[in-house]
Amino acid sequence: MVSKIPLISKGGVDQFLIESSEKINNFNNKRNDKSVQRLVTNAMKGVNPFVETLNKISKIYNEPIEVLIDNKNLYLIEGKK
C-alpha cells in the first residue's frame, strides 16, 4: 500500500510504518498470550473442585474402602490395597 504513494515510498516513512506495525503486532501477541494464560489459570480454579470430586468418587467405586456407621454419620476410610 505504501509503495503506491510516490513520496512516502522513497523516504524513511515506509520503513518507520513497517517497523511500527511490527512492534504493535508483537505487543498485541504478548498481550493476547497473557490474556489466554490468565483465562486458563482462572478456568482451572473453577474446574479443580469438580476434578477433586470426580477423583473422590472414583476412589469410592474403584478402590477398597471401609465403611463405618454410627447413629448419624457414614464414614468412608481408605481400605488396604
N, C-alpha and C. Protein backbone atom coordinates (compact mmCIF):
# COMPACT_ATOMS: atom_id res chain seq x y z
N MET A 1 0.83 -1.19 0.00
CA MET A 1 0.00 0.00 0.00
C MET A 1 0.87 1.25 0.00
N VAL A 2 1.91 1.24 0.83
CA VAL A 2 2.80 2.40 0.94
C VAL A 2 3.57 2.59 -0.35
N SER A 3 3.89 1.50 -1.01
CA SER A 3 4.67 1.61 -2.25
C SER A 3 3.91 2.32 -3.36
N LYS A 4 2.61 2.42 -3.25
CA LYS A 4 1.81 3.09 -4.26
C LYS A 4 1.80 4.61 -4.10
N ILE A 5 2.31 5.10 -2.98
CA ILE A 5 2.36 6.55 -2.73
C ILE A 5 3.80 6.99 -2.99
N PRO A 6 4.05 7.72 -4.08
CA PRO A 6 5.41 8.03 -4.51
C PRO A 6 6.27 8.74 -3.45
N LEU A 7 5.79 9.73 -2.78
CA LEU A 7 6.60 10.49 -1.83
C LEU A 7 6.96 9.66 -0.60
N ILE A 8 6.05 8.83 -0.15
CA ILE A 8 6.28 8.03 1.05
C ILE A 8 7.20 6.86 0.74
N SER A 9 7.01 6.21 -0.41
CA SER A 9 7.79 5.02 -0.71
C SER A 9 9.27 5.32 -0.93
N LYS A 10 9.61 6.57 -1.24
CA LYS A 10 11.01 6.93 -1.48
C LYS A 10 11.71 7.39 -0.20
N GLY A 11 11.00 7.59 0.87
CA GLY A 11 11.60 8.09 2.10
C GLY A 11 11.67 7.02 3.17
N GLY A 12 12.01 7.47 4.38
CA GLY A 12 12.12 6.57 5.51
C GLY A 12 10.80 6.31 6.20
N VAL A 13 9.75 6.98 5.74
CA VAL A 13 8.44 6.83 6.38
C VAL A 13 7.93 5.41 6.24
N ASP A 14 8.14 4.83 5.05
CA ASP A 14 7.64 3.47 4.85
C ASP A 14 8.30 2.48 5.80
N GLN A 15 9.61 2.62 6.01
CA GLN A 15 10.30 1.74 6.95
C GLN A 15 9.79 1.97 8.37
N PHE A 16 9.57 3.22 8.72
CA PHE A 16 9.04 3.56 10.04
C PHE A 16 7.67 2.92 10.24
N LEU A 17 6.82 2.99 9.23
CA LEU A 17 5.48 2.41 9.33
C LEU A 17 5.55 0.89 9.46
N ILE A 18 6.44 0.29 8.71
CA ILE A 18 6.59 -1.17 8.78
C ILE A 18 7.08 -1.58 10.17
N GLU A 19 8.11 -0.90 10.67
CA GLU A 19 8.63 -1.23 12.00
C GLU A 19 7.59 -0.99 13.09
N SER A 20 6.85 0.10 12.95
CA SER A 20 5.81 0.40 13.94
C SER A 20 4.73 -0.67 13.94
N SER A 21 4.34 -1.11 12.77
CA SER A 21 3.29 -2.15 12.70
C SER A 21 3.80 -3.46 13.30
N GLU A 22 5.10 -3.76 13.10
CA GLU A 22 5.66 -4.98 13.70
C GLU A 22 5.68 -4.87 15.22
N LYS A 23 6.01 -3.70 15.76
CA LYS A 23 6.01 -3.50 17.20
C LYS A 23 4.61 -3.64 17.77
N ILE A 24 3.64 -3.06 17.09
CA ILE A 24 2.25 -3.16 17.54
C ILE A 24 1.80 -4.61 17.51
N ASN A 25 2.18 -5.33 16.46
CA ASN A 25 1.82 -6.74 16.34
C ASN A 25 2.44 -7.56 17.47
N ASN A 26 3.72 -7.32 17.76
CA ASN A 26 4.38 -8.02 18.87
C ASN A 26 3.71 -7.72 20.20
N PHE A 27 3.38 -6.44 20.42
CA PHE A 27 2.70 -6.05 21.66
C PHE A 27 1.37 -6.77 21.78
N ASN A 28 0.61 -6.79 20.70
CA ASN A 28 -0.70 -7.47 20.72
C ASN A 28 -0.56 -8.96 20.97
N ASN A 29 0.46 -9.58 20.37
CA ASN A 29 0.68 -11.02 20.59
C ASN A 29 1.01 -11.30 22.05
N LYS A 30 1.88 -10.48 22.65
CA LYS A 30 2.22 -10.66 24.07
C LYS A 30 1.00 -10.47 24.96
N ARG A 31 0.23 -9.45 24.66
CA ARG A 31 -0.98 -9.18 25.45
C ARG A 31 -1.97 -10.32 25.32
N ASN A 32 -2.14 -10.84 24.12
CA ASN A 32 -3.05 -11.97 23.91
C ASN A 32 -2.56 -13.21 24.66
N ASP A 33 -1.25 -13.45 24.62
CA ASP A 33 -0.70 -14.60 25.35
C ASP A 33 -0.97 -14.47 26.85
N LYS A 34 -0.77 -13.28 27.39
CA LYS A 34 -1.02 -13.06 28.82
C LYS A 34 -2.50 -13.25 29.14
N SER A 35 -3.36 -12.75 28.26
CA SER A 35 -4.80 -12.88 28.49
C SER A 35 -5.23 -14.34 28.47
N VAL A 36 -4.71 -15.10 27.53
CA VAL A 36 -5.05 -16.52 27.44
C VAL A 36 -4.54 -17.25 28.67
N GLN A 37 -3.33 -16.91 29.12
CA GLN A 37 -2.76 -17.56 30.31
C GLN A 37 -3.62 -17.27 31.54
N ARG A 38 -4.07 -16.02 31.70
CA ARG A 38 -4.95 -15.68 32.82
C ARG A 38 -6.26 -16.43 32.72
N LEU A 39 -6.78 -16.53 31.52
CA LEU A 39 -8.04 -17.24 31.32
C LEU A 39 -7.89 -18.72 31.70
N VAL A 40 -6.81 -19.33 31.27
CA VAL A 40 -6.57 -20.74 31.59
C VAL A 40 -6.43 -20.91 33.10
N THR A 41 -5.66 -20.03 33.73
CA THR A 41 -5.45 -20.11 35.18
C THR A 41 -6.77 -19.97 35.92
N ASN A 42 -7.57 -18.98 35.54
CA ASN A 42 -8.86 -18.78 36.21
C ASN A 42 -9.84 -19.91 35.92
N ALA A 43 -9.79 -20.45 34.72
CA ALA A 43 -10.69 -21.55 34.38
C ALA A 43 -10.33 -22.78 35.21
N MET A 44 -9.03 -23.00 35.41
CA MET A 44 -8.61 -24.16 36.19
C MET A 44 -9.05 -24.04 37.64
N LYS A 45 -9.09 -22.83 38.17
CA LYS A 45 -9.55 -22.65 39.55
C LYS A 45 -10.99 -23.11 39.69
N GLY A 46 -11.79 -22.87 38.69
CA GLY A 46 -13.19 -23.28 38.74
C GLY A 46 -13.38 -24.77 38.49
N VAL A 47 -12.44 -25.39 37.80
CA VAL A 47 -12.54 -26.79 37.44
C VAL A 47 -11.98 -27.70 38.54
N ASN A 48 -11.01 -27.21 39.29
CA ASN A 48 -10.35 -28.04 40.30
C ASN A 48 -11.30 -28.70 41.29
N PRO A 49 -12.26 -27.99 41.88
CA PRO A 49 -13.18 -28.68 42.81
C PRO A 49 -13.96 -29.81 42.12
N PHE A 50 -14.33 -29.61 40.88
CA PHE A 50 -15.05 -30.63 40.13
C PHE A 50 -14.17 -31.86 39.92
N VAL A 51 -12.91 -31.63 39.53
CA VAL A 51 -11.97 -32.74 39.31
C VAL A 51 -11.69 -33.47 40.62
N GLU A 52 -11.54 -32.73 41.71
CA GLU A 52 -11.31 -33.36 43.01
C GLU A 52 -12.49 -34.24 43.41
N THR A 53 -13.69 -33.77 43.16
CA THR A 53 -14.88 -34.56 43.47
C THR A 53 -14.93 -35.83 42.63
N LEU A 54 -14.59 -35.72 41.35
CA LEU A 54 -14.56 -36.91 40.50
C LEU A 54 -13.52 -37.91 40.99
N ASN A 55 -12.38 -37.42 41.43
CA ASN A 55 -11.35 -38.32 41.96
C ASN A 55 -11.84 -39.02 43.22
N LYS A 56 -12.56 -38.31 44.08
CA LYS A 56 -13.11 -38.94 45.29
C LYS A 56 -14.13 -40.01 44.94
N ILE A 57 -14.99 -39.71 43.98
CA ILE A 57 -16.00 -40.68 43.55
C ILE A 57 -15.31 -41.91 42.94
N SER A 58 -14.27 -41.68 42.17
CA SER A 58 -13.52 -42.78 41.59
C SER A 58 -12.93 -43.67 42.67
N LYS A 59 -12.40 -43.07 43.73
CA LYS A 59 -11.85 -43.86 44.83
C LYS A 59 -12.93 -44.71 45.49
N ILE A 60 -14.12 -44.12 45.70
CA ILE A 60 -15.21 -44.83 46.35
C ILE A 60 -15.62 -46.06 45.53
N TYR A 61 -15.69 -45.93 44.23
CA TYR A 61 -16.18 -47.02 43.39
C TYR A 61 -15.09 -47.98 42.92
N ASN A 62 -13.84 -47.53 42.86
CA ASN A 62 -12.80 -48.35 42.24
C ASN A 62 -11.70 -48.82 43.17
N GLU A 63 -11.70 -48.38 44.41
CA GLU A 63 -10.66 -48.80 45.34
C GLU A 63 -11.31 -49.35 46.60
N PRO A 64 -10.61 -50.22 47.31
CA PRO A 64 -11.18 -50.78 48.54
C PRO A 64 -11.38 -49.68 49.59
N ILE A 65 -12.53 -49.70 50.24
CA ILE A 65 -12.81 -48.74 51.31
C ILE A 65 -13.46 -49.49 52.48
N GLU A 66 -13.35 -48.92 53.64
CA GLU A 66 -14.05 -49.43 54.81
C GLU A 66 -15.17 -48.45 55.13
N VAL A 67 -16.32 -48.99 55.43
CA VAL A 67 -17.48 -48.16 55.75
C VAL A 67 -17.79 -48.33 57.23
N LEU A 68 -17.82 -47.22 57.94
CA LEU A 68 -18.18 -47.21 59.35
C LEU A 68 -19.42 -46.35 59.52
N ILE A 69 -20.33 -46.84 60.36
CA ILE A 69 -21.60 -46.13 60.54
C ILE A 69 -21.86 -45.96 62.02
N ASP A 70 -22.32 -44.76 62.41
CA ASP A 70 -22.84 -44.56 63.77
C ASP A 70 -24.27 -44.05 63.64
N ASN A 71 -24.85 -43.48 64.70
CA ASN A 71 -26.26 -43.07 64.66
C ASN A 71 -26.56 -42.02 63.58
N LYS A 72 -25.60 -41.15 63.34
CA LYS A 72 -25.88 -40.02 62.45
C LYS A 72 -24.98 -39.94 61.22
N ASN A 73 -23.88 -40.64 61.21
CA ASN A 73 -22.88 -40.43 60.17
C ASN A 73 -22.47 -41.72 59.47
N LEU A 74 -21.97 -41.53 58.27
CA LEU A 74 -21.39 -42.61 57.47
C LEU A 74 -19.94 -42.21 57.19
N TYR A 75 -19.00 -43.06 57.55
CA TYR A 75 -17.58 -42.74 57.36
C TYR A 75 -17.00 -43.67 56.32
N LEU A 76 -16.27 -43.11 55.35
CA LEU A 76 -15.58 -43.89 54.34
C LEU A 76 -14.09 -43.74 54.59
N ILE A 77 -13.42 -44.89 54.80
CA ILE A 77 -11.99 -44.87 55.10
C ILE A 77 -11.28 -45.70 54.03
N GLU A 78 -10.14 -45.20 53.58
CA GLU A 78 -9.38 -45.94 52.59
C GLU A 78 -9.04 -47.32 53.10
N GLY A 79 -9.32 -48.30 52.30
CA GLY A 79 -9.03 -49.68 52.68
C GLY A 79 -7.61 -50.08 52.33
N LYS A 80 -7.26 -51.30 52.67
CA LYS A 80 -5.93 -51.82 52.37
C LYS A 80 -5.85 -52.14 50.89
N LYS A 81 -4.73 -51.81 50.31
CA LYS A 81 -4.57 -52.06 48.86
C LYS A 81 -3.83 -53.32 48.60
